[in-house]
Amino acid sequence: MTTEGHPAEPLRLLAVHAHPDDEASKGAAMMASYADAGVSVLVATCTGGERGGIQNPAMEGDPHSTRDMGGARRLEMAKAAAILGIEQQWLGFTDSGLPEGDPLPDLPAGCFALKPLEIAAAPLVRLVRRFRPHVIISYDENGGYPHPDHIMAHKVTVEAYHAAGDPDRYPGTGEAWEPQKLYYDLAFNPQRFRALHFALENAGLASPYAQRLAAWLEADTEGHTPLAGTHPTTTQVDCGEYFEKRDDALRAHATQVDPAGFFFAVSPEMQRKVWPWEDYSLMDSRVPTTLPENDLFAGLR
């Protein structure tokens, strides 16, 4: 790789996620494919997921997670990272939880989502300056879905992407490094769910996506169809041969993922035929590139 200001060196990818398990449900096959090709891949996990409930019926009453959910999720994260062949770093913030009720309760004091931006972003700026990624990936403004930690993960990622290269910002966090490309993950791409839904129906199989598609397609009283997302797909990474690794990484998060649940409704074989990609939206590039792309490192090789 040769780019202006960067000598030939191994490519590096940083993915910023809110909780342990997010890396397995969003971009895992892509990361495994790049790691297998020799790219250095690092996941930054903003919180420990301490406030997550048990989502897998088989884990109900598990003594470790009942006593110490944060500790259990650290072990799950280590197992998932090993499966994907990637590195992982904790940023050290406390899970905000997902508020429920009407009215919504206040978020717990000291949690990640309530931190001032510069305090929340500082550990990520430090990590960017140490790891020196060429490409950074995280969520869109809505967090992919509106969990307060996902929204804050978006904010700190954008802040770090723009600030890490400025030596006058975040003093004491290392030598400035300017990442070259910023992407938003499109794990909830409606086109993908539509394609998988119709593939299941055509095969005579039940689809778990009908309700989600109906919500996206529901028109308001004036006949308008609401948009499911605000950012177009610019980049599709062909990584279908790594879908089994992705699924194994998901299952490693045993407290959070039901092995008989939504994520496994479509076989890897059918997914490879219907939608063998993981989808991204390029939000900023400091190198020339042509859209659409099939490589997050387009313009950097």
Protein backbone atom coordinates (compact mmCIF):
# COMPACT_ATOMS: atom_id res chain seq x y z
CA MET A 1 0.00 0.00 0.00
CA THR A 2 1.22 3.48 -0.81
CA THR A 3 -0.70 6.67 -0.05
CA GLU A 4 0.35 10.26 0.38
CA GLY A 5 1.76 10.64 3.88
CA HIS A 6 1.73 6.89 4.54
CA PRO A 7 4.59 4.61 3.43
CA ALA A 8 3.97 1.06 2.30
CA GLU A 9 2.84 -0.88 5.40
CA PRO A 10 0.29 -3.48 6.48
CA LEU A 11 -3.32 -2.35 6.25
CA ARG A 12 -5.22 -1.81 9.49
CA LEU A 13 -8.97 -1.75 10.22
CA LEU A 14 -10.64 -0.50 13.41
CA ALA A 15 -14.29 -1.32 14.15
CA VAL A 16 -15.92 0.55 17.06
CA HIS A 17 -18.77 -1.25 18.82
CA ALA A 18 -20.92 -0.46 21.82
CA HIS A 19 -21.06 -3.85 23.58
CA PRO A 20 -19.52 -7.30 23.39
CA ASP A 21 -21.59 -9.26 20.79
CA ASP A 22 -22.12 -6.22 18.52
CA GLU A 23 -18.95 -7.11 16.64
CA ALA A 24 -20.35 -10.59 15.93
CA SER A 25 -23.73 -9.39 14.65
CA LYS A 26 -22.35 -6.49 12.59
CA GLY A 27 -19.45 -7.03 10.23
CA ALA A 28 -18.02 -10.25 11.64
CA ALA A 29 -17.66 -12.05 8.31
CA MET A 30 -16.04 -8.97 6.76
CA MET A 31 -13.54 -8.72 9.62
CA ALA A 32 -12.71 -12.43 9.46
CA SER A 33 -12.15 -12.19 5.71
CA TYR A 34 -9.77 -9.25 6.02
CA ALA A 35 -7.91 -10.83 8.96
CA ASP A 36 -7.46 -13.98 6.89
CA ALA A 37 -6.01 -11.84 4.08
CA GLY A 38 -3.37 -10.34 6.38
CA VAL A 39 -5.08 -7.10 7.44
CA SER A 40 -4.67 -6.15 11.11
CA VAL A 41 -8.22 -5.97 12.49
CA LEU A 42 -9.02 -4.47 15.89
CA VAL A 43 -12.41 -4.14 17.60
CA ALA A 44 -12.81 -1.38 20.17
CA THR A 45 -15.62 -2.28 22.59
CA CYS A 46 -16.90 0.82 24.36
CA THR A 47 -18.65 -0.85 27.32
CA GLY A 48 -18.56 -4.15 29.15
CA GLY A 49 -22.22 -4.95 28.54
CA GLU A 50 -22.74 -5.27 32.30
CA ARG A 51 -26.40 -4.29 32.13
CA GLY A 52 -27.36 -6.74 29.41
CA GLY A 53 -29.97 -9.31 30.31
CA ILE A 54 -29.83 -12.98 29.39
CA GLN A 55 -31.27 -13.31 25.88
CA ASN A 56 -30.69 -17.05 25.43
CA PRO A 57 -33.27 -19.26 27.21
CA ALA A 58 -30.68 -22.02 27.60
CA MET A 59 -28.59 -19.69 29.79
CA GLU A 60 -31.34 -18.77 32.25
CA GLY A 61 -30.05 -19.35 35.76
CA ASP A 62 -26.42 -19.63 34.66
CA PRO A 63 -24.49 -18.98 37.88
CA HIS A 64 -21.60 -17.02 36.34
CA SER A 65 -23.67 -14.53 34.32
CA THR A 66 -26.23 -14.23 37.11
CA ARG A 67 -23.48 -13.30 39.55
CA ASP A 68 -21.18 -11.37 37.20
CA MET A 69 -22.61 -10.51 33.79
CA GLY A 70 -19.67 -8.25 32.93
CA GLY A 71 -17.16 -11.00 33.66
CA ALA A 72 -19.13 -13.57 31.68
CA ARG A 73 -19.30 -11.26 28.69
CA ARG A 74 -15.54 -10.66 28.78
CA LEU A 75 -14.99 -14.40 28.42
CA GLU A 76 -17.53 -14.56 25.60
CA MET A 77 -15.80 -11.65 23.83
CA ALA A 78 -12.39 -13.35 24.04
CA LYS A 79 -13.85 -16.52 22.52
CA ALA A 80 -15.55 -14.61 19.68
CA ALA A 81 -12.39 -12.64 18.87
CA ALA A 82 -10.36 -15.85 18.68
CA ILE A 83 -12.90 -17.39 16.31
CA LEU A 84 -12.73 -14.36 13.99
CA GLY A 85 -8.94 -14.07 14.20
CA ILE A 86 -9.04 -10.44 15.32
CA GLU A 87 -7.74 -8.32 18.20
CA GLN A 88 -10.04 -6.61 20.70
CA GLN A 89 -9.63 -3.71 23.13
CA TRP A 90 -11.97 -2.51 25.90
CA LEU A 91 -12.46 1.25 26.19
CA GLY A 92 -13.57 0.85 29.79
CA PHE A 93 -16.99 2.52 29.99
CA THR A 94 -20.06 1.29 31.87
CA ASP A 95 -23.03 -0.06 29.95
CA SER A 96 -25.94 2.41 29.93
CA GLY A 97 -28.63 -0.25 29.63
CA LEU A 98 -31.65 0.06 27.35
CA PRO A 99 -34.29 2.23 29.06
CA GLU A 100 -37.83 0.91 28.84
CA GLY A 101 -41.18 2.27 29.97
CA ASP A 102 -43.37 5.32 29.48
CA PRO A 103 -42.00 7.71 30.44
CA LEU A 104 -38.50 6.37 29.92
CA PRO A 105 -36.43 6.27 33.11
CA ASP A 106 -33.25 8.29 33.45
CA LEU A 107 -30.04 6.61 32.40
CA PRO A 108 -27.85 5.43 35.31
CA ALA A 109 -25.31 7.92 36.62
CA GLY A 110 -21.81 7.48 35.25
CA CYS A 111 -22.83 5.39 32.26
CA PHE A 112 -21.22 5.69 28.83
CA ALA A 113 -24.09 7.54 27.16
CA LEU A 114 -24.00 10.34 29.75
CA LYS A 115 -20.27 11.05 29.52
CA PRO A 116 -19.21 14.40 28.03
CA LEU A 117 -18.06 13.79 24.46
CA GLU A 118 -14.41 14.69 24.99
CA ILE A 119 -14.14 12.36 27.98
CA ALA A 120 -15.89 9.54 26.14
CA ALA A 121 -13.80 10.01 22.98
CA ALA A 122 -10.38 10.33 24.64
CA PRO A 123 -9.71 6.58 25.06
CA LEU A 124 -10.67 6.00 21.43
CA VAL A 125 -8.42 8.83 20.22
CA ARG A 126 -5.60 7.24 22.22
CA LEU A 127 -6.35 3.85 20.62
CA VAL A 128 -6.47 5.32 17.11
CA ARG A 129 -3.10 7.00 17.65
CA ARG A 130 -1.61 3.75 18.94
CA PHE A 131 -3.14 1.30 16.45
CA ARG A 132 -2.99 3.74 13.50
CA PRO A 133 -5.91 2.38 11.46
CA HIS A 134 -6.35 3.29 7.82
CA VAL A 135 -10.11 2.53 7.94
CA ILE A 136 -12.59 3.05 10.80
CA ILE A 137 -16.11 1.61 10.95
CA SER A 138 -18.98 2.29 13.34
CA TYR A 139 -22.72 3.03 13.40
CA ASP A 140 -24.79 5.82 11.87
CA GLU A 141 -26.37 8.70 13.82
CA ASN A 142 -29.16 6.41 15.07
CA GLY A 143 -26.69 3.82 16.30
CA GLY A 144 -27.98 1.28 13.77
CA TYR A 145 -30.88 1.14 16.21
CA PRO A 146 -31.51 3.74 18.92
CA HIS A 147 -29.73 2.24 21.93
CA PRO A 148 -28.05 5.07 23.88
CA ASP A 149 -24.68 3.29 23.86
CA HIS A 150 -24.85 2.76 20.09
CA ILE A 151 -25.59 6.43 19.55
CA MET A 152 -22.68 7.41 21.79
CA ALA A 153 -20.42 4.93 19.97
CA HIS A 154 -21.28 6.77 16.76
CA LYS A 155 -20.45 10.12 18.34
CA VAL A 156 -17.08 9.08 19.75
CA THR A 157 -16.11 7.39 16.48
CA VAL A 158 -16.79 10.49 14.40
CA GLU A 159 -15.00 12.62 16.97
CA ALA A 160 -11.93 10.36 17.01
CA TYR A 161 -11.82 10.07 13.21
CA HIS A 162 -11.64 13.85 12.82
CA ALA A 163 -9.55 14.63 15.92
CA ALA A 164 -6.86 11.94 15.99
CA GLY A 165 -4.88 13.53 13.17
CA ASP A 166 -4.77 16.97 14.82
CA PRO A 167 -1.75 17.23 17.16
CA ASP A 168 -3.39 20.14 19.01
CA ARG A 169 -6.39 18.06 20.08
CA TYR A 170 -6.45 15.52 22.91
CA PRO A 171 -2.94 16.27 24.21
CA GLY A 172 -1.30 13.42 26.06
CA THR A 173 -2.98 10.67 24.02
CA GLY A 174 -0.10 9.93 21.66
CA GLU A 175 1.33 11.03 18.35
CA ALA A 176 -1.25 12.27 15.83
CA TRP A 177 -2.52 9.78 13.25
CA GLU A 178 -5.01 10.59 10.49
CA PRO A 179 -7.26 7.68 9.43
CA GLN A 180 -8.05 7.69 5.72
CA LYS A 181 -11.64 6.39 5.47
CA LEU A 182 -14.74 6.37 7.68
CA TYR A 183 -17.64 3.97 7.10
CA TYR A 184 -21.01 3.36 8.71
CA ASP A 185 -22.10 -0.24 9.10
CA LEU A 186 -25.37 -1.13 7.34
CA ALA A 187 -26.19 -4.39 9.11
CA PHE A 188 -29.88 -3.43 8.98
CA ASN A 189 -29.89 -2.84 5.22
CA PRO A 190 -33.56 -3.24 4.14
CA GLN A 191 -32.53 -4.53 0.69
CA ARG A 192 -30.76 -7.45 2.30
CA PHE A 193 -33.70 -8.35 4.53
CA ARG A 194 -36.05 -8.07 1.56
CA ALA A 195 -33.91 -10.40 -0.55
CA LEU A 196 -33.63 -12.98 2.23
CA HIS A 197 -37.35 -12.75 3.00
CA PHE A 198 -38.39 -13.51 -0.57
CA ALA A 199 -35.78 -16.26 -0.90
CA LEU A 200 -37.27 -17.99 2.14
CA GLU A 201 -40.83 -17.58 0.84
CA ASN A 202 -39.86 -18.92 -2.58
CA ALA A 203 -38.33 -21.95 -0.89
CA GLY A 204 -41.54 -22.54 1.06
CA LEU A 205 -39.90 -21.63 4.36
CA ALA A 206 -41.17 -19.33 7.10
CA SER A 207 -39.55 -15.90 7.13
CA PRO A 208 -38.75 -14.09 10.41
CA TYR A 209 -38.42 -10.82 8.51
CA ALA A 210 -42.07 -10.21 7.59
CA GLN A 211 -42.87 -7.99 10.58
CA ARG A 212 -39.72 -5.90 10.14
CA LEU A 213 -40.40 -5.41 6.43
CA ALA A 214 -44.01 -4.47 7.12
CA ALA A 215 -42.88 -1.75 9.53
CA TRP A 216 -40.44 -0.37 6.95
CA LEU A 217 -43.03 -0.43 4.17
CA GLU A 218 -45.99 0.86 6.19
CA ALA A 219 -47.32 4.06 4.63
CA ASP A 220 -48.58 6.96 6.71
CA THR A 221 -52.04 8.51 6.33
CA GLU A 222 -50.86 10.59 3.35
CA GLY A 223 -49.43 7.59 1.53
CA HIS A 224 -45.76 8.30 2.18
CA THR A 225 -43.39 5.42 2.74
CA PRO A 226 -40.86 6.17 5.49
CA LEU A 227 -37.19 5.66 4.73
CA ALA A 228 -35.51 2.79 6.57
CA GLY A 229 -32.14 4.49 6.55
CA THR A 230 -30.53 7.75 5.54
CA HIS A 231 -27.24 6.50 4.09
CA PRO A 232 -26.89 4.64 0.78
CA THR A 233 -24.95 1.43 0.34
CA THR A 234 -21.66 2.43 -1.26
CA THR A 235 -19.53 -0.60 -0.47
CA GLN A 236 -20.28 -4.32 -0.43
CA VAL A 237 -17.59 -6.69 0.82
CA ASP A 238 -17.94 -10.24 -0.54
CA CYS A 239 -17.36 -12.40 2.52
CA GLY A 240 -19.88 -15.23 2.20
CA GLU A 241 -17.32 -17.95 2.82
CA TYR A 242 -16.90 -16.55 6.33
CA PHE A 243 -20.59 -16.71 7.33
CA GLU A 244 -19.99 -19.86 9.38
CA LYS A 245 -17.24 -18.10 11.34
CA ARG A 246 -19.61 -15.19 11.91
CA ASP A 247 -22.26 -17.57 13.22
CA ASP A 248 -19.77 -19.32 15.48
CA ALA A 249 -18.70 -15.93 16.87
CA LEU A 250 -22.34 -15.08 17.53
CA ARG A 251 -22.87 -18.35 19.38
CA ALA A 252 -19.82 -17.57 21.50
CA HIS A 253 -21.87 -14.77 23.08
CA ALA A 254 -24.00 -17.41 24.76
CA THR A 255 -25.77 -15.09 27.22
CA GLN A 256 -26.90 -12.76 24.44
CA VAL A 257 -27.60 -14.94 21.40
CA ASP A 258 -30.20 -17.70 21.13
CA PRO A 259 -28.74 -20.35 18.78
CA ALA A 260 -32.30 -21.08 17.62
CA GLY A 261 -33.10 -17.39 17.09
CA PHE A 262 -33.40 -14.67 14.48
CA PHE A 263 -29.75 -14.51 13.45
CA PHE A 264 -29.73 -18.14 12.30
CA ALA A 265 -33.05 -18.18 10.43
CA VAL A 266 -31.38 -18.38 7.01
CA SER A 267 -28.69 -20.97 6.35
CA PRO A 268 -25.23 -19.74 5.35
CA GLU A 269 -25.65 -21.59 2.04
CA MET A 270 -28.82 -19.67 1.16
CA GLN A 271 -27.27 -16.38 2.29
CA ARG A 272 -24.29 -16.98 0.00
CA LYS A 273 -26.66 -17.45 -2.94
CA VAL A 274 -28.90 -14.48 -2.12
CA TRP A 275 -26.70 -11.88 -0.40
CA PRO A 276 -23.02 -12.89 0.01
CA TRP A 277 -21.97 -9.39 1.10
CA GLU A 278 -21.78 -7.19 4.15
CA ASP A 279 -22.84 -3.62 3.43
CA TYR A 280 -21.33 -0.24 4.31
CA SER A 281 -21.73 3.44 3.57
CA LEU A 282 -18.59 5.49 2.93
CA MET A 283 -18.93 8.72 4.91
CA ASP A 284 -15.51 10.28 4.42
CA SER A 285 -12.41 9.48 2.39
CA ARG A 286 -9.10 11.27 2.36
CA VAL A 287 -7.97 9.21 -0.65
CA PRO A 288 -9.52 9.07 -4.13
CA THR A 289 -11.99 6.25 -4.62
CA THR A 290 -14.75 5.38 -7.08
CA LEU A 291 -18.22 4.30 -5.98
CA PRO A 292 -19.55 1.70 -5.71
CA GLU A 293 -16.72 -0.16 -3.99
CA ASN A 294 -16.16 -3.81 -3.18
CA ASP A 295 -13.24 -3.19 -0.81
CA LEU A 296 -13.05 -0.99 2.30
CA PHE A 297 -9.41 -0.31 1.38
CA ALA A 298 -10.19 0.90 -2.15
CA GLY A 299 -7.82 3.79 -2.87
CA LEU A 300 -5.38 2.59 -0.22
CA ARG A 301 -3.84 -0.46 -1.89
